[in-house]
Protein backbone atom coordinates (compact mmCIF):
# COMPACT_ATOMS: atom_id res chain seq x y z
CA MET A 1 115.94 103.70 82.37
CA PHE A 2 118.62 103.62 79.70
CA ASP A 3 119.21 99.92 80.09
CA GLY A 4 121.04 98.16 77.31
CA SER A 5 124.20 98.24 75.31
CA ASP A 6 123.42 101.63 73.73
CA PHE A 7 123.90 103.38 77.09
CA PRO A 8 126.91 103.53 79.43
CA LYS A 9 124.78 102.61 82.49
CA SER A 10 121.20 102.66 83.67
CA LEU A 11 119.45 105.58 85.33
CA ASP A 12 117.16 105.13 88.30
CA GLU A 13 113.58 106.04 87.35
CA GLU A 14 112.99 107.85 90.62
CA VAL A 15 115.98 110.12 89.93
CA PHE A 16 114.59 110.81 86.45
CA ASN A 17 111.17 111.69 87.89
CA THR A 18 112.82 114.04 90.40
CA TRP A 19 114.64 115.79 87.55
CA LEU A 20 111.34 116.24 85.68
CA GLU A 21 109.68 117.69 88.77
CA ASN A 22 112.59 120.03 89.48
CA GLY A 23 112.41 121.36 85.93
CA ARG A 24 108.67 121.96 86.17
CA GLN A 25 109.01 123.81 89.47
CA SER A 26 111.79 126.11 88.27
CA LYS A 27 110.88 129.79 88.13
CA ILE A 28 112.86 130.18 84.91
CA GLY A 29 110.20 128.44 82.82
CA TYR A 30 112.11 125.55 81.34
CA SER A 31 110.37 123.36 78.79
CA TYR A 32 112.89 120.58 78.21
CA LEU A 33 115.05 118.23 80.23
CA LEU A 34 118.30 117.08 78.66
CA ILE A 35 119.94 113.95 80.03
CA ILE A 36 123.69 114.40 79.76
CA TRP A 37 126.32 111.70 80.16
CA ASP A 38 129.50 113.05 81.78
CA GLU A 39 132.36 110.86 80.59
CA TYR A 40 134.82 111.99 83.29
CA GLU A 41 132.41 111.56 86.18
CA SER A 42 130.76 108.45 84.65
CA THR A 43 127.33 109.70 85.59
CA TYR A 44 124.19 111.22 84.16
CA ARG A 45 123.16 114.74 85.00
CA PRO A 46 120.18 116.92 84.12
CA THR A 47 120.31 120.11 82.10
CA TYR A 48 117.25 122.24 81.48
CA VAL A 49 116.56 124.45 78.47
CA GLU A 50 113.74 126.81 77.58
CA ASN A 51 113.51 126.36 73.81
CA ARG A 52 113.72 123.41 71.48
CA ASP A 53 116.44 125.20 69.46
CA ASP A 54 118.59 125.20 72.60
CA ILE A 55 118.77 121.41 72.40
CA ASP A 56 120.64 121.51 69.08
CA THR A 57 122.84 124.36 70.25
CA TYR A 58 123.74 122.48 73.42
CA GLU A 59 124.44 119.26 71.54
CA ARG A 60 126.79 120.94 69.05
CA TYR A 61 128.67 122.83 71.75
CA LYS A 62 129.12 119.91 74.13
CA ALA A 63 130.03 117.46 71.37
CA SER A 64 133.05 119.63 70.64
CA THR A 65 134.36 119.23 74.21
CA GLY A 66 134.34 115.42 74.20
CA ARG A 67 133.53 115.29 77.91
CA GLU A 68 129.75 115.32 77.74
CA ALA A 69 127.22 113.69 75.45
CA LEU A 70 123.51 114.32 75.07
CA VAL A 71 121.76 111.01 75.72
CA ALA A 72 118.11 112.07 75.51
CA ALA A 73 115.80 115.08 75.60
CA TYR A 74 112.31 115.15 77.14
CA ASP A 75 109.45 117.60 77.19
CA LEU A 76 108.98 118.44 80.87
CA TYR A 77 105.20 118.53 80.71
CA SER A 78 104.21 115.72 78.35
CA GLU A 79 107.20 113.63 79.47
CA SER A 80 107.62 112.53 75.86
CA ARG A 81 111.06 111.87 74.51
CA ILE A 82 112.21 114.20 71.75
CA SER A 83 114.11 112.62 68.91
């Protein structure tokens, strides 16, 4: 996943599927998986949010730090990418 010049590096599909499953199994009731690129660590990491509005809030907050960037957001249950 995330192959191509638009992304810093690719993400193993099995890792992505594990992140989806972990979000679904959480007792908190998350609905969305955010894929975050950590510039300092040069790696992707998952972040889970409950509401769609939290995606925008997260993106604005993290964009101000310069360390992390939101790469993509997915619905945990339909697995569809949110634009």
